[in-house]
Amino acid sequence: MRVLHEINQKHKGVILFHDVHKQSVMALSPVIEELQRQDYTFLARRGGPT
């Protein structure tokens, strides 16, 4: 809910989830689904630092 609240207030943003936190993993799918309903665009970064 915190992520969605912040995004809806600012109408933009970068969301970073760390998969080492169980709460983040569990929250990711509902957050993505809601933002897709709101027509947000998604990018994924794979790999380590360059």
C-alpha atoms as a PDB file:
ATOM      1  CA  MET A   1       0.000   0.000   0.000  1.00  0.00           C
ATOM      2  CA  ARG A   2       2.874   2.372   0.747  1.00  0.00           C
ATOM      3  CA  VAL A   3       4.328   1.952  -2.757  1.00  0.00           C
ATOM      4  CA  LEU A   4       0.977   2.552  -4.443  1.00  0.00           C
ATOM      5  CA  HIS A   5       0.293   5.583  -2.257  1.00  0.00           C
ATOM      6  CA  GLU A   6       3.633   7.201  -3.138  1.00  0.00           C
ATOM      7  CA  ILE A   7       3.279   6.483  -6.860  1.00  0.00           C
ATOM      8  CA  ASN A   8      -0.289   7.819  -6.965  1.00  0.00           C
ATOM      9  CA  GLN A   9       0.758  11.031  -5.206  1.00  0.00           C
ATOM     10  CA  LYS A  10       3.732  11.736  -7.469  1.00  0.00           C
ATOM     11  CA  HIS A  11       2.454  10.110 -10.699  1.00  0.00           C
ATOM     12  CA  LYS A  12       5.973   8.883 -11.440  1.00  0.00           C
ATOM     13  CA  GLY A  13       8.770   7.011  -9.783  1.00  0.00           C
ATOM     14  CA  VAL A  14      11.243   4.215  -9.665  1.00  0.00           C
ATOM     15  CA  ILE A  15      10.353   1.207  -7.556  1.00  0.00           C
ATOM     16  CA  LEU A  16      13.116  -1.058  -6.339  1.00  0.00           C
ATOM     17  CA  PHE A  17      12.317  -4.369  -4.666  1.00  0.00           C
ATOM     18  CA  HIS A  18      15.023  -6.564  -3.141  1.00  0.00           C
ATOM     19  CA  ASP A  19      14.261 -10.271  -3.331  1.00  0.00           C
ATOM     20  CA  VAL A  20      16.102 -10.928  -0.078  1.00  0.00           C
ATOM     21  CA  HIS A  21      13.060  -9.594   1.799  1.00  0.00           C
ATOM     22  CA  LYS A  22      10.083 -11.975   1.882  1.00  0.00           C
ATOM     23  CA  GLN A  23       7.654  -9.048   2.216  1.00  0.00           C
ATOM     24  CA  SER A  24       8.956  -7.498  -1.007  1.00  0.00           C
ATOM     25  CA  VAL A  25       8.573 -10.734  -2.932  1.00  0.00           C
ATOM     26  CA  MET A  26       5.011 -11.169  -1.666  1.00  0.00           C
ATOM     27  CA  ALA A  27       4.058  -7.549  -2.461  1.00  0.00           C
ATOM     28  CA  LEU A  28       5.541  -7.403  -5.946  1.00  0.00           C
ATOM     29  CA  SER A  29       2.771  -9.148  -7.881  1.00  0.00           C
ATOM     30  CA  PRO A  30      -0.144  -7.091  -6.467  1.00  0.00           C
ATOM     31  CA  VAL A  31       1.809  -3.854  -6.968  1.00  0.00           C
ATOM     32  CA  ILE A  32       2.605  -4.699 -10.599  1.00  0.00           C
ATOM     33  CA  GLU A  33      -0.988  -5.745 -11.295  1.00  0.00           C
ATOM     34  CA  GLU A  34      -2.380  -2.494  -9.912  1.00  0.00           C
ATOM     35  CA  LEU A  35       0.120  -0.329 -11.764  1.00  0.00           C
ATOM     36  CA  GLN A  36      -0.621  -2.204 -15.007  1.00  0.00           C
ATOM     37  CA  ARG A  37      -4.291  -1.319 -14.517  1.00  0.00           C
ATOM     38  CA  GLN A  38      -3.133   2.295 -14.264  1.00  0.00           C
ATOM     39  CA  ASP A  39      -1.155   1.992 -17.551  1.00  0.00           C
ATOM     40  CA  TYR A  40       2.326   2.382 -16.057  1.00  0.00           C
ATOM     41  CA  THR A  41       5.368   1.230 -18.046  1.00  0.00           C
ATOM     42  CA  PHE A  42       7.810  -1.306 -16.607  1.00  0.00           C
ATOM     43  CA  LEU A  43      11.500  -1.939 -17.128  1.00  0.00           C
ATOM     44  CA  ALA A  44      13.606  -4.663 -15.569  1.00  0.00           C
ATOM     45  CA  ARG A  45      17.291  -4.540 -14.769  1.00  0.00           C
ATOM     46  CA  ARG A  46      19.134  -7.798 -14.793  1.00  0.00           C
ATOM     47  CA  GLY A  47      22.651  -8.535 -13.681  1.00  0.00           C
ATOM     48  CA  GLY A  48      25.007  -6.891 -11.292  1.00  0.00           C
ATOM     49  CA  PRO A  49      26.726  -3.533 -11.294  1.00  0.00           C
ATOM     50  CA  THR A  50      28.494  -2.496 -14.467  1.00  0.00           C
END
